[in-house]
């Protein structure tokens, strides 16, 4: 069925049908409802290609999940608690606004070519890029296409320094530094003076911010930062487990270990348990993200709740605003606070 047929059955012009489909406000409500009733009864679907040619967009957002550190045959991104929740949240918010979501995973630099193709082929109105891998050159190339792009967990200073803020771009972050500081102040307040870290990837904004807060908290309180207590987990479960096991076999444990995400904290807990190291009796453990399983562990994991849904909503709304603007540069930034969550995995060790 064509739009001409819808117009004839509804007793309106073809242009009126087009205005209803594209949600123009200058259509009488009675007319709108009559057209919508015919559309529903006859299961009419507007031609997407025609909408694109007419400059109406596709009502589709691209969500590109980047994890170039993951080996596809070992750790798929959908097994990552952060990625899985973010994908769900973006999809929910986009669907609520009447948009579809095209999801593509990126495991290698070559996969970025598919991201660019999605923009060039006009299959999406804009894209959200989230993940633990960074390709500044590709971000620059995408920005030059002048399509709306939202970067999740990205250094704003890096964007401005590269002059990418002259494009249609938005950055959505969480306040990782402040969230980590809350964890560190809690551990220090419990009497811990030897605190280790299971760090994430330092080539990511969140990885750097969480490590910087760890370092600054120790410096502020005059506490040592021991190299043997700095573990490199890279935000990967397998790597985190190996690092925690190495610590468990060492001669000396820190009294507390801060993990830059919950997945690594859970891996560390598993490694410690295997070696008979009790949490929190032998070592206090804290994470970051507040994944669903964090509260189900025994003991429950002290962590920081990442504002996943707020970040996802902001990303979807930024795409919508930039799409409506049609042309010209547009640079937006927003950072959401993270909430400290105290559970049973940390204990006081006295003054």
Protein backbone atom coordinates (compact mmCIF):
# COMPACT_ATOMS: atom_id res chain seq x y z
CA UNK A 1 0.00 0.00 0.00
CA UNK A 2 1.22 3.48 -0.93
CA UNK A 3 0.75 6.84 0.80
CA UNK A 4 -1.68 7.79 -2.01
CA UNK A 5 -3.92 4.90 -0.97
CA UNK A 6 -3.82 6.01 2.68
CA UNK A 7 -4.77 9.54 1.60
CA UNK A 8 -7.71 8.29 -0.48
CA UNK A 9 -9.07 6.05 2.31
CA UNK A 10 -8.71 8.81 4.92
CA UNK A 11 -10.18 11.44 2.61
CA UNK A 12 -7.16 13.74 2.84
CA UNK A 13 -4.33 14.87 0.60
CA UNK A 14 -1.05 12.98 0.23
CA UNK A 15 0.79 15.90 1.82
CA UNK A 16 -1.44 15.60 4.90
CA UNK A 17 -0.52 11.93 5.22
CA UNK A 18 3.14 12.92 5.00
CA UNK A 19 2.71 15.55 7.74
CA UNK A 20 1.02 13.01 10.01
CA UNK A 21 3.75 10.40 9.43
CA UNK A 22 6.45 12.95 10.20
CA UNK A 23 4.59 14.24 13.26
CA UNK A 24 4.10 17.83 12.11
CA UNK A 25 2.09 19.94 14.53
CA UNK A 26 0.01 21.78 11.90
CA UNK A 27 -2.47 18.94 11.44
CA UNK A 28 -5.91 19.07 13.13
CA UNK A 29 -6.17 16.37 15.77
CA UNK A 30 -9.32 14.89 14.24
CA UNK A 31 -7.57 14.58 10.87
CA UNK A 32 -4.47 13.11 12.48
CA UNK A 33 -6.47 10.42 14.24
CA UNK A 34 -8.35 9.55 11.04
CA UNK A 35 -5.10 9.08 9.12
CA UNK A 36 -3.49 7.09 11.94
CA UNK A 37 -6.53 4.79 12.10
CA UNK A 38 -6.22 3.97 8.39
CA UNK A 39 -2.45 3.45 8.75
CA UNK A 40 -3.01 1.04 11.64
CA UNK A 41 -5.81 -0.88 9.94
CA UNK A 42 -3.77 -1.42 6.78
CA UNK A 43 -0.38 -1.93 8.48
CA UNK A 44 1.20 0.80 6.38
CA UNK A 45 4.98 1.26 6.72
CA UNK A 46 6.62 4.39 5.19
CA UNK A 47 9.42 3.65 2.77
CA UNK A 48 12.69 4.29 4.63
CA UNK A 49 14.69 5.09 1.51
CA UNK A 50 12.11 7.68 0.49
CA UNK A 51 12.26 9.24 3.96
CA UNK A 52 16.05 9.53 3.73
CA UNK A 53 15.90 11.11 0.26
CA UNK A 54 13.35 13.58 1.59
CA UNK A 55 15.66 14.48 4.46
CA UNK A 56 13.37 12.96 7.10
CA UNK A 57 15.90 10.53 8.57
CA UNK A 58 15.56 6.85 9.36
CA UNK A 59 14.36 6.97 12.98
CA UNK A 60 17.35 4.71 13.72
CA UNK A 61 20.23 5.25 16.12
CA UNK A 62 23.49 3.37 15.71
CA UNK A 63 24.97 1.94 18.92
CA UNK A 64 28.58 0.90 18.42
CA UNK A 65 30.09 -1.08 21.28
CA UNK A 66 33.87 -1.02 21.06
CA UNK A 67 36.08 -3.52 22.83
CA UNK A 68 39.30 -3.91 20.92
CA UNK A 69 40.93 -5.41 24.03
CA UNK A 70 38.54 -8.36 24.07
CA UNK A 71 39.41 -11.55 22.21
CA UNK A 72 36.17 -12.56 20.47
CA UNK A 73 36.64 -16.27 21.13
CA UNK A 74 37.12 -15.70 24.86
CA UNK A 75 35.30 -12.66 26.23
CA UNK A 76 32.36 -11.41 24.19
CA UNK A 77 31.17 -7.92 25.06
CA UNK A 78 27.70 -9.21 25.95
CA UNK A 79 29.35 -11.02 28.87
CA UNK A 80 30.51 -7.63 30.16
CA UNK A 81 28.08 -6.35 32.80
CA UNK A 82 28.63 -2.68 31.90
CA UNK A 83 28.13 -3.11 28.15
CA UNK A 84 25.06 -5.32 28.54
CA UNK A 85 23.27 -2.83 30.77
CA UNK A 86 24.18 0.12 28.59
CA UNK A 87 22.86 -1.59 25.45
CA UNK A 88 19.59 -2.36 27.25
CA UNK A 89 19.27 1.21 28.54
CA UNK A 90 19.93 2.89 25.19
CA UNK A 91 17.46 0.55 23.48
CA UNK A 92 14.77 1.26 26.08
CA UNK A 93 15.15 5.03 25.84
CA UNK A 94 15.32 5.00 22.03
CA UNK A 95 12.24 2.80 21.73
CA UNK A 96 10.35 5.10 24.08
CA UNK A 97 11.07 7.96 21.66
CA UNK A 98 9.93 5.89 18.68
CA UNK A 99 13.41 5.11 17.37
CA UNK A 100 15.06 1.85 16.41
CA UNK A 101 18.58 0.89 17.46
CA UNK A 102 21.16 -0.68 15.14
CA UNK A 103 23.76 -2.41 17.34
CA UNK A 104 27.20 -3.30 16.05
CA UNK A 105 30.19 -4.65 17.97
CA UNK A 106 33.73 -3.55 17.19
CA UNK A 107 36.59 -5.89 18.08
CA UNK A 108 39.30 -4.60 15.76
CA UNK A 109 40.30 -1.32 14.05
CA UNK A 110 39.05 -2.79 10.78
CA UNK A 111 35.54 -3.06 12.23
CA UNK A 112 35.43 0.73 12.43
CA UNK A 113 34.96 0.77 8.67
CA UNK A 114 31.48 -0.69 9.17
CA UNK A 115 30.71 2.11 11.59
CA UNK A 116 31.64 4.65 8.94
CA UNK A 117 29.61 2.78 6.31
CA UNK A 118 26.49 2.97 8.47
CA UNK A 119 26.80 6.77 8.43
CA UNK A 120 27.73 7.08 4.76
CA UNK A 121 24.88 4.80 3.65
CA UNK A 122 22.40 6.88 5.66
CA UNK A 123 21.21 3.82 7.56
CA UNK A 124 21.24 5.76 10.85
CA UNK A 125 20.42 9.30 11.96
CA UNK A 126 23.27 9.39 14.46
CA UNK A 127 25.54 7.15 16.46
CA UNK A 128 26.48 6.41 20.07
CA UNK A 129 30.00 5.05 20.61
CA UNK A 130 30.75 3.29 23.88
CA UNK A 131 33.55 0.97 24.86
CA UNK A 132 37.05 0.36 26.11
CA UNK A 133 38.94 0.85 22.84
CA UNK A 134 39.82 4.18 21.28
CA UNK A 135 40.70 5.12 17.70
CA UNK A 136 41.11 8.93 17.66
CA UNK A 137 41.56 8.96 13.89
CA UNK A 138 38.26 7.15 13.31
CA UNK A 139 36.44 9.45 15.75
CA UNK A 140 37.84 12.38 13.80
CA UNK A 141 36.71 10.88 10.48
CA UNK A 142 33.22 10.21 11.82
CA UNK A 143 32.94 13.73 13.22
CA UNK A 144 33.86 15.19 9.84
CA UNK A 145 30.80 13.50 8.31
CA UNK A 146 28.72 16.03 10.28
CA UNK A 147 26.33 13.34 11.52
CA UNK A 148 25.28 13.47 15.20
CA UNK A 149 27.69 11.47 17.34
CA UNK A 150 27.68 10.82 21.09
CA UNK A 151 30.83 9.54 22.79
CA UNK A 152 30.46 7.75 26.12
CA UNK A 153 33.36 7.85 28.59
CA UNK A 154 35.60 10.22 26.66
CA UNK A 155 38.05 12.93 27.73
CA UNK A 156 36.44 16.31 26.98
CA UNK A 157 39.81 18.05 27.01
CA UNK A 158 41.02 15.66 24.31
CA UNK A 159 38.00 16.51 22.15
CA UNK A 160 38.57 20.25 22.50
CA UNK A 161 42.33 19.88 21.96
CA UNK A 162 41.65 18.06 18.68
CA UNK A 163 39.09 20.73 17.71
CA UNK A 164 36.46 18.04 17.29
CA UNK A 165 34.07 20.26 19.25
CA UNK A 166 33.52 22.15 15.99
CA UNK A 167 31.35 19.27 14.78
CA UNK A 168 27.99 17.75 15.76
CA UNK A 169 29.28 15.96 18.81
CA UNK A 170 28.30 15.23 22.41
CA UNK A 171 30.22 13.62 25.28
CA UNK A 172 28.43 11.84 28.12
CA UNK A 173 30.47 10.84 31.18
CA UNK A 174 30.05 9.90 34.80
CA UNK A 175 31.97 11.51 37.64
CA UNK A 176 34.48 8.68 38.01
CA UNK A 177 37.06 10.71 39.93
CA UNK A 178 34.57 11.73 42.60
CA UNK A 179 33.11 8.22 42.80
CA UNK A 180 36.53 6.68 43.34
CA UNK A 181 37.39 9.30 45.93
CA UNK A 182 34.30 8.27 47.89
CA UNK A 183 35.53 4.65 47.95
CA UNK A 184 39.05 5.63 48.98
CA UNK A 185 37.86 7.95 51.76
CA UNK A 186 35.66 5.13 53.04
CA UNK A 187 38.57 2.66 53.12
CA UNK A 188 40.93 5.15 54.75
CA UNK A 189 38.22 6.03 57.26
CA UNK A 190 38.05 2.33 58.19
CA UNK A 191 41.73 2.46 59.12
CA UNK A 192 43.30 1.04 55.96
CA UNK A 193 46.78 2.34 55.21
CA UNK A 194 47.96 -0.22 52.66
CA UNK A 195 45.47 -0.06 49.79
CA UNK A 196 46.03 -1.70 46.44
CA UNK A 197 44.30 -1.16 43.11
CA UNK A 198 43.19 -3.50 40.35
CA UNK A 199 43.30 -0.89 37.61
CA UNK A 200 41.35 -0.69 34.39
CA UNK A 201 42.65 0.36 30.99
CA UNK A 202 44.54 3.63 31.35
CA UNK A 203 43.88 4.54 27.70
CA UNK A 204 40.22 5.06 28.63
CA UNK A 205 38.87 8.15 30.35
CA UNK A 206 37.23 6.20 33.19
CA UNK A 207 40.34 4.07 33.70
CA UNK A 208 42.54 7.13 34.01
CA UNK A 209 40.12 9.04 36.25
CA UNK A 210 39.71 6.14 38.67
CA UNK A 211 43.46 5.55 38.87
CA UNK A 212 44.15 9.27 39.33
CA UNK A 213 41.66 9.46 42.21
CA UNK A 214 43.26 6.41 43.84
CA UNK A 215 46.68 8.02 43.57
CA UNK A 216 45.53 11.44 44.80
CA UNK A 217 43.69 9.99 47.81
CA UNK A 218 46.83 8.21 48.97
CA UNK A 219 48.93 11.34 48.46
CA UNK A 220 46.40 13.51 50.30
CA UNK A 221 46.55 11.25 53.36
CA UNK A 222 50.32 10.72 53.18
CA UNK A 223 49.95 7.01 52.44
CA UNK A 224 52.37 4.92 50.38
CA UNK A 225 51.57 3.75 46.85
CA UNK A 226 53.37 0.44 46.58
CA UNK A 227 54.17 -0.84 43.11
CA UNK A 228 53.53 -4.45 44.14
CA UNK A 229 49.97 -3.47 45.11
CA UNK A 230 49.20 -1.94 41.69
CA UNK A 231 47.60 -4.63 39.52
CA UNK A 232 46.72 -4.22 35.85
CA UNK A 233 43.33 -5.79 35.19
CA UNK A 234 42.54 -3.90 31.95
CA UNK A 235 38.78 -4.10 32.79
CA UNK A 236 38.95 -7.80 31.75
CA UNK A 237 37.75 -10.65 33.97
CA UNK A 238 40.41 -13.12 32.85
CA UNK A 239 43.25 -10.63 33.28
CA UNK A 240 41.91 -9.49 36.66
CA UNK A 241 41.72 -13.07 37.92
CA UNK A 242 45.35 -13.72 36.93
CA UNK A 243 46.53 -10.51 38.63
CA UNK A 244 44.58 -11.27 41.83
CA UNK A 245 45.95 -14.79 41.90
CA UNK A 246 49.47 -13.41 41.55
CA UNK A 247 48.79 -11.12 44.52
CA UNK A 248 47.38 -14.03 46.52
CA UNK A 249 50.63 -15.97 46.01
CA UNK A 250 52.81 -13.04 47.11
CA UNK A 251 54.37 -12.62 50.53
CA UNK A 252 52.35 -9.53 51.42
CA UNK A 253 48.71 -8.53 50.90
CA UNK A 254 47.34 -5.00 51.13
CA UNK A 255 44.67 -4.63 53.77
CA UNK A 256 42.24 -3.40 51.10
CA UNK A 257 41.96 -3.63 47.33
CA UNK A 258 40.02 -1.19 45.16
CA UNK A 259 38.97 -2.65 41.80
CA UNK A 260 38.21 -0.24 38.95
CA UNK A 261 35.07 -2.18 38.04
CA UNK A 262 32.85 -4.83 39.61
CA UNK A 263 33.63 -7.53 37.06
CA UNK A 264 37.28 -7.36 38.11
CA UNK A 265 36.31 -7.27 41.81
CA UNK A 266 34.27 -10.45 41.37
CA UNK A 267 37.19 -12.12 39.59
CA UNK A 268 39.48 -11.06 42.43
CA UNK A 269 37.04 -12.49 44.98
CA UNK A 270 37.05 -15.81 43.13
CA UNK A 271 40.86 -15.89 43.05
CA UNK A 272 41.12 -15.03 46.76
CA UNK A 273 38.57 -17.66 47.70
CA UNK A 274 40.52 -20.30 45.79
CA UNK A 275 43.60 -19.44 47.83
CA UNK A 276 41.78 -19.39 51.18
CA UNK A 277 41.90 -15.60 51.51
CA UNK A 278 38.73 -14.33 53.17
CA UNK A 279 36.86 -11.12 52.31
CA UNK A 280 36.68 -8.94 54.36
CA UNK A 281 38.48 -10.77 57.21
CA UNK A 282 41.84 -11.00 55.40
CA UNK A 283 41.39 -8.27 52.80
CA UNK A 284 38.70 -5.66 52.20
CA UNK A 285 37.42 -5.44 48.64
CA UNK A 286 35.64 -2.64 46.77
CA UNK A 287 34.51 -2.30 43.18
CA UNK A 288 32.91 0.19 40.81
CA UNK A 289 29.72 0.11 38.66
CA UNK A 290 27.25 -1.68 41.01
CA UNK A 291 26.39 -4.46 38.58
CA UNK A 292 23.29 -6.51 39.50
CA UNK A 293 25.32 -9.37 40.97
CA UNK A 294 27.26 -7.06 43.33
CA UNK A 295 24.50 -7.11 45.93
CA UNK A 296 24.06 -10.90 45.63
CA UNK A 297 27.64 -11.80 46.54
CA UNK A 298 28.53 -13.02 50.00
CA UNK A 299 29.57 -10.64 51.37
CA UNK A 300 27.83 -7.97 49.31
CA UNK A 301 30.27 -5.83 47.36
CA UNK A 302 30.98 -2.26 48.42
CA UNK A 303 30.99 -0.30 45.18
CA UNK A 304 29.93 2.84 43.29
CA UNK A 305 26.68 2.92 41.35
CA UNK A 306 27.28 4.04 37.78
CA UNK A 307 24.41 6.19 36.41
CA UNK A 308 23.84 3.91 33.40
CA UNK A 309 20.25 4.88 32.67
CA UNK A 310 20.84 8.61 33.05
CA UNK A 311 23.81 8.39 30.68
CA UNK A 312 21.82 6.35 28.14
CA UNK A 313 18.91 8.78 28.24
CA UNK A 314 21.24 11.75 27.76
CA UNK A 315 22.88 10.03 24.77
CA UNK A 316 19.56 9.34 23.04
CA UNK A 317 18.28 12.86 23.71
CA UNK A 318 21.52 14.41 22.42
CA UNK A 319 21.16 12.49 19.13
CA UNK A 320 17.57 13.72 18.84
CA UNK A 321 18.51 17.38 19.48
CA UNK A 322 21.38 17.33 17.00
CA UNK A 323 19.21 15.59 14.40
CA UNK A 324 16.52 18.25 14.73
CA UNK A 325 19.12 20.99 14.32
CA UNK A 326 19.93 19.51 10.87
CA UNK A 327 23.17 21.43 10.27
CA UNK A 328 25.90 23.49 11.89
CA UNK A 329 28.24 22.59 14.72
CA UNK A 330 26.84 21.47 18.06
CA UNK A 331 28.95 20.41 21.03
CA UNK A 332 27.38 19.17 24.26
CA UNK A 333 28.91 17.70 27.40
CA UNK A 334 27.33 16.26 30.53
CA UNK A 335 28.69 14.31 33.49
CA UNK A 336 26.49 12.47 35.96
CA UNK A 337 27.31 11.88 39.63
CA UNK A 338 27.96 8.34 40.83
CA UNK A 339 26.61 7.01 44.14
CA UNK A 340 28.75 5.26 46.76
CA UNK A 341 27.17 1.98 47.93
CA UNK A 342 28.38 0.49 51.21
CA UNK A 343 28.01 -3.26 51.74
CA UNK A 344 29.82 -5.96 53.67
CA UNK A 345 33.03 -6.52 51.71
CA UNK A 346 35.01 -3.90 53.65
CA UNK A 347 35.76 -3.93 57.38
CA UNK A 348 37.30 -1.62 59.91
CA UNK A 349 40.81 -2.50 61.06
CA UNK A 350 40.94 -0.05 63.93
CA UNK A 351 42.67 3.30 64.33
